[in-house]
PDB file of N, CA and C in Angstrom:
ATOM      1  N   UNK A   1       0.835  -1.180   0.000  1.00  0.00           N
ATOM      2  CA  UNK A   1       0.000   0.000   0.000  1.00  0.00           C
ATOM      3  C   UNK A   1       0.877   1.240   0.000  1.00  0.00           C
ATOM      4  N   UNK A   2       0.351   2.267  -0.577  1.00  0.00           N
ATOM      5  CA  UNK A   2       1.080   3.511  -0.643  1.00  0.00           C
ATOM      6  C   UNK A   2       1.107   4.175   0.724  1.00  0.00           C
ATOM      7  N   UNK A   3       2.158   4.950   0.949  1.00  0.00           N
ATOM      8  CA  UNK A   3       2.290   5.654   2.221  1.00  0.00           C
ATOM      9  C   UNK A   3       1.175   6.684   2.386  1.00  0.00           C
ATOM     10  N   UNK A   4       0.788   7.335   1.315  1.00  0.00           N
ATOM     11  CA  UNK A   4      -0.275   8.340   1.374  1.00  0.00           C
ATOM     12  C   UNK A   4      -1.622   7.698   1.699  1.00  0.00           C
ATOM     13  N   UNK A   5      -1.842   6.498   1.216  1.00  0.00           N
ATOM     14  CA  UNK A   5      -3.098   5.812   1.503  1.00  0.00           C
ATOM     15  C   UNK A   5      -3.201   5.451   2.978  1.00  0.00           C
ATOM     16  N   UNK A   6      -2.108   5.029   3.568  1.00  0.00           N
ATOM     17  CA  UNK A   6      -2.112   4.706   5.003  1.00  0.00           C
ATOM     18  C   UNK A   6      -2.422   5.960   5.816  1.00  0.00           C
ATOM     19  N   UNK A   7      -1.869   7.088   5.412  1.00  0.00           N
ATOM     20  CA  UNK A   7      -2.170   8.348   6.097  1.00  0.00           C
ATOM     21  C   UNK A   7      -3.649   8.703   5.956  1.00  0.00           C
ATOM     22  N   UNK A   8      -4.219   8.442   4.803  1.00  0.00           N
ATOM     23  CA  UNK A   8      -5.651   8.697   4.588  1.00  0.00           C
ATOM     24  C   UNK A   8      -6.503   7.777   5.454  1.00  0.00           C
ATOM     25  N   UNK A   9      -6.096   6.524   5.604  1.00  0.00           N
ATOM     26  CA  UNK A   9      -6.829   5.595   6.475  1.00  0.00           C
ATOM     27  C   UNK A   9      -6.809   6.076   7.921  1.00  0.00           C
ATOM     28  N   UNK A  10      -5.657   6.536   8.377  1.00  0.00           N
ATOM     29  CA  UNK A  10      -5.539   7.039   9.749  1.00  0.00           C
ATOM     30  C   UNK A  10      -6.420   8.271   9.928  1.00  0.00           C
ATOM     31  N   UNK A  11      -6.436   9.140   8.940  1.00  0.00           N
ATOM     32  CA  UNK A  11      -7.293  10.323   9.017  1.00  0.00           C
ATOM     33  C   UNK A  11      -8.765   9.941   9.055  1.00  0.00           C
ATOM     34  N   UNK A  12      -9.174   8.966   8.259  1.00  0.00           N
ATOM     35  CA  UNK A  12     -10.570   8.505   8.270  1.00  0.00           C
ATOM     36  C   UNK A  12     -10.962   7.988   9.646  1.00  0.00           C
ATOM     37  N   UNK A  13     -10.064   7.224  10.248  1.00  0.00           N
ATOM     38  CA  UNK A  13     -10.319   6.677  11.575  1.00  0.00           C
ATOM     39  C   UNK A  13     -10.571   7.809  12.574  1.00  0.00           C
ATOM     40  N   UNK A  14      -9.673   8.783  12.593  1.00  0.00           N
ATOM     41  CA  UNK A  14      -9.781   9.832  13.596  1.00  0.00           C
ATOM     42  C   UNK A  14     -10.859  10.858  13.275  1.00  0.00           C
ATOM     43  N   UNK A  15     -11.205  11.038  12.020  1.00  0.00           N
ATOM     44  CA  UNK A  15     -12.324  11.921  11.688  1.00  0.00           C
ATOM     45  C   UNK A  15     -13.621  11.313  12.214  1.00  0.00           C
ATOM     46  N   UNK A  16     -13.843  10.029  11.976  1.00  0.00           N
ATOM     47  CA  UNK A  16     -15.051   9.365  12.491  1.00  0.00           C
ATOM     48  C   UNK A  16     -15.058   9.394  14.015  1.00  0.00           C
ATOM     49  N   UNK A  17     -13.903   9.154  14.616  1.00  0.00           N
ATOM     50  CA  UNK A  17     -13.785   9.194  16.075  1.00  0.00           C
ATOM     51  C   UNK A  17     -14.141  10.585  16.597  1.00  0.00           C
ATOM     52  N   UNK A  18     -13.600  11.616  15.964  1.00  0.00           N
ATOM     53  CA  UNK A  18     -13.850  12.988  16.405  1.00  0.00           C
ATOM     54  C   UNK A  18     -15.283  13.428  16.217  1.00  0.00           C
ATOM     55  N   UNK A  19     -15.900  13.018  15.115  1.00  0.00           N
ATOM     56  CA  UNK A  19     -17.301  13.374  14.890  1.00  0.00           C
ATOM     57  C   UNK A  19     -18.173  12.762  15.977  1.00  0.00           C
ATOM     58  N   UNK A  20     -17.904  11.525  16.323  1.00  0.00           N
ATOM     59  CA  UNK A  20     -18.702  10.857  17.352  1.00  0.00           C
ATOM     60  C   UNK A  20     -18.510  11.500  18.728  1.00  0.00           C
ATOM     61  N   UNK A  21     -17.256  11.658  19.129  1.00  0.00           N
ATOM     62  CA  UNK A  21     -16.982  12.215  20.463  1.00  0.00           C
ATOM     63  C   UNK A  21     -17.443  13.665  20.541  1.00  0.00           C
ATOM     64  N   UNK A  22     -17.009  14.473  19.588  1.00  0.00           N
ATOM     65  CA  UNK A  22     -17.361  15.888  19.608  1.00  0.00           C
ATOM     66  C   UNK A  22     -18.850  16.130  19.458  1.00  0.00           C
ATOM     67  N   UNK A  23     -19.452  15.458  18.512  1.00  0.00           N
ATOM     68  CA  UNK A  23     -20.886  15.641  18.289  1.00  0.00           C
ATOM     69  C   UNK A  23     -21.722  15.228  19.487  1.00  0.00           C
ATOM     70  N   UNK A  24     -21.349  14.128  20.112  1.00  0.00           N
ATOM     71  CA  UNK A  24     -22.124  13.638  21.252  1.00  0.00           C
ATOM     72  C   UNK A  24     -22.000  14.556  22.457  1.00  0.00           C
ATOM     73  N   UNK A  25     -20.777  14.927  22.781  1.00  0.00           N
ATOM     74  CA  UNK A  25     -20.580  15.737  23.988  1.00  0.00           C
ATOM     75  C   UNK A  25     -20.995  17.190  23.788  1.00  0.00           C
ATOM     76  N   UNK A  26     -20.682  17.771  22.656  1.00  0.00           N
ATOM     77  CA  UNK A  26     -21.104  19.146  22.393  1.00  0.00           C
ATOM     78  C   UNK A  26     -22.613  19.201  22.204  1.00  0.00           C
ATOM     79  N   UNK A  27     -23.172  18.191  21.582  1.00  0.00           N
ATOM     80  CA  UNK A  27     -24.617  18.145  21.405  1.00  0.00           C
ATOM     81  C   UNK A  27     -25.377  18.021  22.713  1.00  0.00           C
ATOM     82  N   UNK A  28     -24.763  17.399  23.704  1.00  0.00           N
ATOM     83  CA  UNK A  28     -25.447  17.245  24.998  1.00  0.00           C
ATOM     84  C   UNK A  28     -25.429  18.529  25.824  1.00  0.00           C
ATOM     85  N   UNK A  29     -24.654  19.508  25.418  1.00  0.00           N
ATOM     86  CA  UNK A  29     -24.658  20.789  26.148  1.00  0.00           C
ATOM     87  C   UNK A  29     -26.034  21.439  26.062  1.00  0.00           C
ATOM     88  N   UNK A  30     -26.678  21.293  24.915  1.00  0.00           N
ATOM     89  CA  UNK A  30     -28.039  21.828  24.769  1.00  0.00           C
ATOM     90  C   UNK A  30     -29.006  21.179  25.741  1.00  0.00           C
ATOM     91  N   UNK A  31     -28.862  19.874  25.938  1.00  0.00           N
ATOM     92  CA  UNK A  31     -29.727  19.184  26.900  1.00  0.00           C
ATOM     93  C   UNK A  31     -29.455  19.683  28.316  1.00  0.00           C
ATOM     94  N   UNK A  32     -28.195  19.898  28.633  1.00  0.00           N
ATOM     95  CA  UNK A  32     -27.839  20.406  29.953  1.00  0.00           C
ATOM     96  C   UNK A  32     -28.420  21.797  30.167  1.00  0.00           C
ATOM     97  N   UNK A  33     -28.334  22.637  29.157  1.00  0.00           N
ATOM     98  CA  UNK A  33     -28.853  24.004  29.273  1.00  0.00           C
ATOM     99  C   UNK A  33     -30.376  24.016  29.365  1.00  0.00           C
ATOM    100  N   UNK A  34     -31.021  23.013  28.789  1.00  0.00           N
ATOM    101  CA  UNK A  34     -32.483  22.928  28.839  1.00  0.00           C
ATOM    102  C   UNK A  34     -32.975  22.243  30.112  1.00  0.00           C
ATOM    103  N   UNK A  35     -32.064  21.744  30.928  1.00  0.00           N
ATOM    104  CA  UNK A  35     -32.456  21.099  32.171  1.00  0.00           C
ATOM    105  C   UNK A  35     -32.716  19.609  32.042  1.00  0.00           C
ATOM    106  N   UNK A  36     -32.387  19.013  30.912  1.00  0.00           N
ATOM    107  CA  UNK A  36     -32.560  17.574  30.720  1.00  0.00           C
ATOM    108  C   UNK A  36     -31.295  16.834  31.148  1.00  0.00           C
ATOM    109  N   UNK A  37     -31.389  15.512  31.130  1.00  0.00           N
ATOM    110  CA  UNK A  37     -30.248  14.673  31.512  1.00  0.00           C
ATOM    111  C   UNK A  37     -29.256  14.612  30.356  1.00  0.00           C
ATOM    112  N   UNK A  38     -28.050  15.184  30.526  1.00  0.00           N
ATOM    113  CA  UNK A  38     -27.106  15.193  29.405  1.00  0.00           C
ATOM    114  C   UNK A  38     -26.586  13.815  29.026  1.00  0.00           C
ATOM    115  N   UNK A  39     -26.436  12.895  30.004  1.00  0.00           N
ATOM    116  CA  UNK A  39     -25.926  11.570  29.674  1.00  0.00           C
ATOM    117  C   UNK A  39     -26.905  10.797  28.806  1.00  0.00           C
ATOM    118  N   UNK A  40     -28.173  10.976  29.049  1.00  0.00           N
ATOM    119  CA  UNK A  40     -29.182  10.329  28.219  1.00  0.00           C
ATOM    120  C   UNK A  40     -29.122  10.859  26.791  1.00  0.00           C
ATOM    121  N   UNK A  41     -28.921  12.157  26.675  1.00  0.00           N
ATOM    122  CA  UNK A  41     -28.828  12.749  25.342  1.00  0.00           C
ATOM    123  C   UNK A  41     -27.528  12.366  24.642  1.00  0.00           C
ATOM    124  N   UNK A  42     -26.445  12.227  25.400  1.00  0.00           N
ATOM    125  CA  UNK A  42     -25.200  11.743  24.800  1.00  0.00           C
ATOM    126  C   UNK A  42     -25.444  10.374  24.182  1.00  0.00           C
ATOM    127  N   UNK A  43     -26.155   9.538  24.900  1.00  0.00           N
ATOM    128  CA  UNK A  43     -26.490   8.194  24.427  1.00  0.00           C
ATOM    129  C   UNK A  43     -27.284   8.265  23.127  1.00  0.00           C
ATOM    130  N   UNK A  44     -28.324   9.085  23.090  1.00  0.00           N
ATOM    131  CA  UNK A  44     -29.164   9.205  21.895  1.00  0.00           C
ATOM    132  C   UNK A  44     -28.403   9.800  20.715  1.00  0.00           C
ATOM    133  N   UNK A  45     -27.631  10.823  20.993  1.00  0.00           N
ATOM    134  CA  UNK A  45     -26.876  11.477  19.922  1.00  0.00           C
ATOM    135  C   UNK A  45     -25.845  10.516  19.336  1.00  0.00           C
ATOM    136  N   UNK A  46     -25.166   9.769  20.204  1.00  0.00           N
ATOM    137  CA  UNK A  46     -24.156   8.819  19.726  1.00  0.00           C
ATOM    138  C   UNK A  46     -24.785   7.762  18.822  1.00  0.00           C
ATOM    139  N   UNK A  47     -25.981   7.306  19.181  1.00  0.00           N
ATOM    140  CA  UNK A  47     -26.667   6.321  18.340  1.00  0.00           C
ATOM    141  C   UNK A  47     -26.973   6.887  16.954  1.00  0.00           C
ATOM    142  N   UNK A  48     -27.404   8.142  16.910  1.00  0.00           N
ATOM    143  CA  UNK A  48     -27.816   8.708  15.629  1.00  0.00           C
ATOM    144  C   UNK A  48     -26.649   9.244  14.805  1.00  0.00           C
ATOM    145  N   UNK A  49     -25.499   9.439  15.408  1.00  0.00           N
ATOM    146  CA  UNK A  49     -24.353   9.980  14.678  1.00  0.00           C
ATOM    147  C   UNK A  49     -23.489   8.923  14.005  1.00  0.00           C
ATOM    148  N   UNK A  50     -23.696   7.655  14.296  1.00  0.00           N
ATOM    149  CA  UNK A  50     -22.810   6.614  13.769  1.00  0.00           C
ATOM    150  C   UNK A  50     -22.635   6.683  12.258  1.00  0.00           C
ATOM    151  N   UNK A  51     -23.727   6.657  11.523  1.00  0.00           N
ATOM    152  CA  UNK A  51     -23.626   6.624  10.066  1.00  0.00           C
ATOM    153  C   UNK A  51     -23.071   7.930   9.531  1.00  0.00           C
ATOM    154  N   UNK A  52     -23.415   9.050  10.172  1.00  0.00           N
ATOM    155  CA  UNK A  52     -22.928  10.346   9.700  1.00  0.00           C
ATOM    156  C   UNK A  52     -21.437  10.505   9.957  1.00  0.00           C
ATOM    157  N   UNK A  53     -20.946   9.907  11.013  1.00  0.00           N
ATOM    158  CA  UNK A  53     -19.508   9.946  11.273  1.00  0.00           C
ATOM    159  C   UNK A  53     -18.749   9.178  10.190  1.00  0.00           C
ATOM    160  N   UNK A  54     -19.299   8.053   9.781  1.00  0.00           N
ATOM    161  CA  UNK A  54     -18.659   7.253   8.734  1.00  0.00           C
ATOM    162  C   UNK A  54     -18.693   8.001   7.410  1.00  0.00           C
ATOM    163  N   UNK A  55     -19.835   8.601   7.070  1.00  0.00           N
ATOM    164  CA  UNK A  55     -19.961   9.350   5.814  1.00  0.00           C
ATOM    165  C   UNK A  55     -19.019  10.558   5.822  1.00  0.00           C
ATOM    166  N   UNK A  56     -18.940  11.258   6.941  1.00  0.00           N
ATOM    167  CA  UNK A  56     -18.038  12.405   7.029  1.00  0.00           C
ATOM    168  C   UNK A  56     -16.583  11.974   6.893  1.00  0.00           C
ATOM    169  N   UNK A  57     -16.243  10.837   7.456  1.00  0.00           N
ATOM    170  CA  UNK A  57     -14.854  10.373   7.416  1.00  0.00           C
ATOM    171  C   UNK A  57     -14.409   9.981   6.016  1.00  0.00           C
ATOM    172  N   UNK A  58     -15.295   9.384   5.248  1.00  0.00           N
ATOM    173  CA  UNK A  58     -14.883   8.955   3.904  1.00  0.00           C
ATOM    174  C   UNK A  58     -15.085  10.062   2.876  1.00  0.00           C
ATOM    175  N   UNK A  59     -15.548  11.209   3.312  1.00  0.00           N
ATOM    176  CA  UNK A  59     -15.629  12.363   2.418  1.00  0.00           C
ATOM    177  C   UNK A  59     -16.887  12.425   1.582  1.00  0.00           C
ATOM    178  N   UNK A  60     -17.943  11.848   2.040  1.00  0.00           N
ATOM    179  CA  UNK A  60     -19.184  11.860   1.276  1.00  0.00           C
ATOM    180  C   UNK A  60     -19.369  10.553   0.531  1.00  0.00           C
ATOM    181  N   UNK A  61     -20.563  10.321   0.075  1.00  0.00           N
ATOM    182  CA  UNK A  61     -20.866   9.025  -0.526  1.00  0.00           C
ATOM    183  C   UNK A  61     -20.616   8.980  -2.021  1.00  0.00           C
ATOM    184  N   UNK A  62     -20.614  10.113  -2.705  1.00  0.00           N
ATOM    185  CA  UNK A  62     -20.514  10.080  -4.160  1.00  0.00           C
ATOM    186  C   UNK A  62     -19.137   9.645  -4.643  1.00  0.00           C
ATOM    187  N   UNK A  63     -18.079  10.052  -3.951  1.00  0.00           N
ATOM    188  CA  UNK A  63     -16.740   9.603  -4.338  1.00  0.00           C
ATOM    189  C   UNK A  63     -16.599   8.102  -4.193  1.00  0.00           C
ATOM    190  N   UNK A  64     -17.158   7.573  -3.138  1.00  0.00           N
ATOM    191  CA  UNK A  64     -17.084   6.132  -2.909  1.00  0.00           C
ATOM    192  C   UNK A  64     -17.841   5.386  -3.998  1.00  0.00           C
ATOM    193  N   UNK A  65     -19.028   5.872  -4.326  1.00  0.00           N
ATOM    194  CA  UNK A  65     -19.823   5.229  -5.375  1.00  0.00           C
ATOM    195  C   UNK A  65     -19.097   5.305  -6.713  1.00  0.00           C
ATOM    196  N   UNK A  66     -18.477   6.445  -6.997  1.00  0.00           N
ATOM    197  CA  UNK A  66     -17.724   6.590  -8.247  1.00  0.00           C
ATOM    198  C   UNK A  66     -16.553   5.610  -8.290  1.00  0.00           C
ATOM    199  N   UNK A  67     -15.846   5.459  -7.175  1.00  0.00           N
ATOM    200  CA  UNK A  67     -14.714   4.525  -7.152  1.00  0.00           C
ATOM    201  C   UNK A  67     -15.172   3.080  -7.298  1.00  0.00           C
ATOM    202  N   UNK A  68     -16.315   2.731  -6.708  1.00  0.00           N
ATOM    203  CA  UNK A  68     -16.847   1.384  -6.897  1.00  0.00           C
ATOM    204  C   UNK A  68     -17.255   1.163  -8.357  1.00  0.00           C
ATOM    205  N   UNK A  69     -17.883   2.185  -8.947  1.00  0.00           N
ATOM    206  CA  UNK A  69     -18.277   2.076 -10.353  1.00  0.00           C
ATOM    207  C   UNK A  69     -17.050   1.897 -11.240  1.00  0.00           C
ATOM    208  N   UNK A  70     -16.030   2.676 -10.977  1.00  0.00           N
ATOM    209  CA  UNK A  70     -14.800   2.560 -11.761  1.00  0.00           C
ATOM    210  C   UNK A  70     -14.157   1.193 -11.565  1.00  0.00           C
ATOM    211  N   UNK A  71     -14.243   0.675 -10.345  1.00  0.00           N
ATOM    212  CA  UNK A  71     -13.682  -0.638 -10.074  1.00  0.00           C
ATOM    213  C   UNK A  71     -14.403  -1.744 -10.811  1.00  0.00           C
ATOM    214  N   UNK A  72     -15.714  -1.618 -10.916  1.00  0.00           N
ATOM    215  CA  UNK A  72     -16.504  -2.661 -11.582  1.00  0.00           C
ATOM    216  C   UNK A  72     -16.426  -2.523 -13.102  1.00  0.00           C
ATOM    217  N   UNK A  73     -16.642  -1.306 -13.604  1.00  0.00           N
ATOM    218  CA  UNK A  73     -16.727  -1.126 -15.053  1.00  0.00           C
ATOM    219  C   UNK A  73     -15.368  -1.069 -15.738  1.00  0.00           C
ATOM    220  N   UNK A  74     -14.387  -0.492 -15.083  1.00  0.00           N
ATOM    221  CA  UNK A  74     -13.075  -0.338 -15.704  1.00  0.00           C
ATOM    222  C   UNK A  74     -12.067  -1.376 -15.233  1.00  0.00           C
ATOM    223  N   UNK A  75     -12.479  -2.222 -14.323  1.00  0.00           N
ATOM    224  CA  UNK A  75     -11.587  -3.273 -13.848  1.00  0.00           C
ATOM    225  C   UNK A  75     -10.524  -2.797 -12.883  1.00  0.00           C
ATOM    226  N   UNK A  76     -10.742  -1.659 -12.252  1.00  0.00           N
ATOM    227  CA  UNK A  76      -9.775  -1.107 -11.304  1.00  0.00           C
ATOM    228  C   UNK A  76     -10.111  -1.604  -9.895  1.00  0.00           C
ATOM    229  N   UNK A  77      -9.765  -2.843  -9.646  1.00  0.00           N
ATOM    230  CA  UNK A  77     -10.124  -3.442  -8.356  1.00  0.00           C
ATOM    231  C   UNK A  77      -9.347  -2.847  -7.199  1.00  0.00           C
ATOM    232  N   UNK A  78      -8.162  -2.295  -7.455  1.00  0.00           N
ATOM    233  CA  UNK A  78      -7.381  -1.704  -6.374  1.00  0.00           C
ATOM    234  C   UNK A  78      -8.105  -0.505  -5.769  1.00  0.00           C
ATOM    235  N   UNK A  79      -8.801   0.280  -6.595  1.00  0.00           N
ATOM    236  CA  UNK A  79      -9.575   1.408  -6.076  1.00  0.00           C
ATOM    237  C   UNK A  79     -10.715   0.932  -5.194  1.00  0.00           C
ATOM    238  N   UNK A  80     -11.363  -0.161  -5.590  1.00  0.00           N
ATOM    239  CA  UNK A  80     -12.436  -0.718  -4.763  1.00  0.00           C
ATOM    240  C   UNK A  80     -11.897  -1.205  -3.425  1.00  0.00           C
ATOM    241  N   UNK A  81     -10.776  -1.874  -3.454  1.00  0.00           N
ATOM    242  CA  UNK A  81     -10.185  -2.395  -2.219  1.00  0.00           C
ATOM    243  C   UNK A  81      -9.786  -1.247  -1.293  1.00  0.00           C
ATOM    244  N   UNK A  82      -9.232  -0.185  -1.858  1.00  0.00           N
ATOM    245  CA  UNK A  82      -8.862   0.973  -1.050  1.00  0.00           C
ATOM    246  C   UNK A  82     -10.087   1.603  -0.394  1.00  0.00           C
ATOM    247  N   UNK A  83     -11.178   1.716  -1.143  1.00  0.00           N
ATOM    248  CA  UNK A  83     -12.399   2.291  -0.573  1.00  0.00           C
ATOM    249  C   UNK A  83     -12.962   1.415   0.541  1.00  0.00           C
ATOM    250  N   UNK A  84     -12.873   0.115   0.369  1.00  0.00           N
ATOM    251  CA  UNK A  84     -13.347  -0.793   1.414  1.00  0.00           C
ATOM    252  C   UNK A  84     -12.513  -0.616   2.677  1.00  0.00           C
ATOM    253  N   UNK A  85     -11.187  -0.476   2.527  1.00  0.00           N
ATOM    254  CA  UNK A  85     -10.336  -0.248   3.691  1.00  0.00           C
ATOM    255  C   UNK A  85     -10.635   1.094   4.354  1.00  0.00           C
ATOM    256  N   UNK A  86     -10.946   2.125   3.569  1.00  0.00           N
ATOM    257  CA  UNK A  86     -11.294   3.417   4.147  1.00  0.00           C
ATOM    258  C   UNK A  86     -12.599   3.325   4.932  1.00  0.00           C
ATOM    259  N   UNK A  87     -13.563   2.587   4.396  1.00  0.00           N
ATOM    260  CA  UNK A  87     -14.831   2.412   5.101  1.00  0.00           C
ATOM    261  C   UNK A  87     -14.615   1.627   6.399  1.00  0.00           C
ATOM    262  N   UNK A  88     -13.781   0.610   6.347  1.00  0.00           N
ATOM    263  CA  UNK A  88     -13.485  -0.171   7.553  1.00  0.00           C
ATOM    264  C   UNK A  88     -12.805   0.701   8.597  1.00  0.00           C
ATOM    265  N   UNK A  89     -11.876   1.561   8.173  1.00  0.00           N
ATOM    266  CA  UNK A  89     -11.202   2.460   9.115  1.00  0.00           C
ATOM    267  C   UNK A  89     -12.196   3.430   9.741  1.00  0.00           C
ATOM    268  N   UNK A  90     -13.136   3.948   8.943  1.00  0.00           N
ATOM    269  CA  UNK A  90     -14.134   4.870   9.470  1.00  0.00           C
ATOM    270  C   UNK A  90     -15.075   4.167  10.450  1.00  0.00           C
ATOM    271  N   UNK A  91     -15.483   2.943  10.126  1.00  0.00           N
ATOM    272  CA  UNK A  91     -16.347   2.171  11.035  1.00  0.00           C
ATOM    273  C   UNK A  91     -15.604   1.876  12.336  1.00  0.00           C
ATOM    274  N   UNK A  92     -14.325   1.561  12.232  1.00  0.00           N
ATOM    275  CA  UNK A  92     -13.534   1.292  13.435  1.00  0.00           C
ATOM    276  C   UNK A  92     -13.418   2.540  14.305  1.00  0.00           C
ATOM    277  N   UNK A  93     -13.249   3.704  13.689  1.00  0.00           N
ATOM    278  CA  UNK A  93     -13.189   4.947  14.451  1.00  0.00           C
ATOM    279  C   UNK A  93     -14.494   5.260  15.166  1.00  0.00           C
ATOM    280  N   UNK A  94     -15.611   5.052  14.472  1.00  0.00           N
ATOM    281  CA  UNK A  94     -16.921   5.289  15.091  1.00  0.00           C
ATOM    282  C   UNK A  94     -17.169   4.298  16.222  1.00  0.00           C
ATOM    283  N   UNK A  95     -16.776   3.048  16.030  1.00  0.00           N
ATOM    284  CA  UNK A  95     -16.980   2.043  17.067  1.00  0.00           C
ATOM    285  C   UNK A  95     -16.099   2.320  18.291  1.00  0.00           C
ATOM    286  N   UNK A  96     -14.865   2.728  18.062  1.00  0.00           N
ATOM    287  CA  UNK A  96     -13.989   3.073  19.175  1.00  0.00           C
ATOM    288  C   UNK A  96     -14.564   4.240  19.964  1.00  0.00           C
ATOM    289  N   UNK A  97     -15.092   5.226  19.269  1.00  0.00           N
ATOM    290  CA  UNK A  97     -15.712   6.362  19.946  1.00  0.00           C
ATOM    291  C   UNK A  97     -16.909   5.918  20.777  1.00  0.00           C
ATOM    292  N   UNK A  98     -17.714   4.989  20.250  1.00  0.00           N
ATOM    293  CA  UNK A  98     -18.842   4.471  21.027  1.00  0.00           C
ATOM    294  C   UNK A  98     -18.357   3.777  22.301  1.00  0.00           C
ATOM    295  N   UNK A  99     -17.277   3.028  22.204  1.00  0.00           N
ATOM    296  CA  UNK A  99     -16.726   2.372  23.391  1.00  0.00           C
ATOM    297  C   UNK A  99     -16.243   3.389  24.410  1.00  0.00           C
ATOM    298  N   UNK A 100     -15.607   4.457  23.946  1.00  0.00           N
ATOM    299  CA  UNK A 100     -15.131   5.504  24.853  1.00  0.00           C
ATOM    300  C   UNK A 100     -16.315   6.207  25.512  1.00  0.00           C
ATOM    301  N   UNK A 101     -17.352   6.494  24.736  1.00  0.00           N
ATOM    302  CA  UNK A 101     -18.535   7.146  25.289  1.00  0.00           C
ATOM    303  C   UNK A 101     -19.208   6.249  26.314  1.00  0.00           C
ATOM    304  N   UNK A 102     -19.337   4.960  26.005  1.00  0.00           N
ATOM    305  CA  UNK A 102     -19.912   4.021  26.981  1.00  0.00           C
ATOM    306  C   UNK A 102     -19.099   4.003  28.262  1.00  0.00           C
ATOM    307  N   UNK A 103     -17.789   4.022  28.126  1.00  0.00           N
ATOM    308  CA  UNK A 103     -16.913   3.994  29.290  1.00  0.00           C
ATOM    309  C   UNK A 103     -17.068   5.264  30.117  1.00  0.00           C
ATOM    310  N   UNK A 104     -17.205   6.410  29.468  1.00  0.00           N
ATOM    311  CA  UNK A 104     -17.307   7.677  30.186  1.00  0.00           C
ATOM    312  C   UNK A 104     -18.660   7.858  30.857  1.00  0.00           C
ATOM    313  N   UNK A 105     -19.737   7.487  30.192  1.00  0.00           N
ATOM    314  CA  UNK A 105     -21.061   7.731  30.781  1.00  0.00           C
ATOM    315  C   UNK A 105     -21.581   6.525  31.559  1.00  0.00           C
ATOM    316  N   UNK A 106     -20.870   5.411  31.491  1.00  0.00           N
ATOM    317  CA  UNK A 106     -21.228   4.196  32.228  1.00  0.00           C
ATOM    318  C   UNK A 106     -22.621   3.691  31.877  1.00  0.00           C
ATOM    319  N   UNK A 107     -23.001   3.827  30.627  1.00  0.00           N
ATOM    320  CA  UNK A 107     -24.252   3.286  30.120  1.00  0.00           C
ATOM    321  C   UNK A 107     -23.949   2.511  28.856  1.00  0.00           C
ATOM    322  N   UNK A 108     -24.751   1.499  28.582  1.00  0.00           N
ATOM    323  CA  UNK A 108     -24.557   0.728  27.361  1.00  0.00           C
ATOM    324  C   UNK A 108     -25.339   1.366  26.229  1.00  0.00           C
ATOM    325  N   UNK A 109     -24.674   1.589  25.116  1.00  0.00           N
ATOM    326  CA  UNK A 109     -25.323   2.143  23.925  1.00  0.00           C
ATOM    327  C   UNK A 109     -25.698   0.982  23.029  1.00  0.00           C
ATOM    328  N   UNK A 110     -26.976   0.884  22.703  1.00  0.00           N
ATOM    329  CA  UNK A 110     -27.433  -0.252  21.889  1.00  0.00           C
ATOM    330  C   UNK A 110     -27.666   0.151  20.488  1.00  0.00           C
TER     331      UNK A 110
END
């Protein structure tokens, strides 16, 4: 694998991680200001941010679809494999963030 691709995978991981952590905790400030339970809202926000963290990490869905199309129609399987690895890195970042959030709020996120 190229060195630049590995750097992109690491960035995807941490972008998904940051979207989950930042979005959940910053989003719960509104619940705190409204007098609601912030930990409950962190839980809800984390559940709803999973897919958006992955989409944000891979840079939107259209590039991925284009690379898959190019891989299938033009026979560029390496581009498809790279996109799959980027998606896996983004999913791993979102999942790690969920584990950290569960650990911090001491609640299980389902």
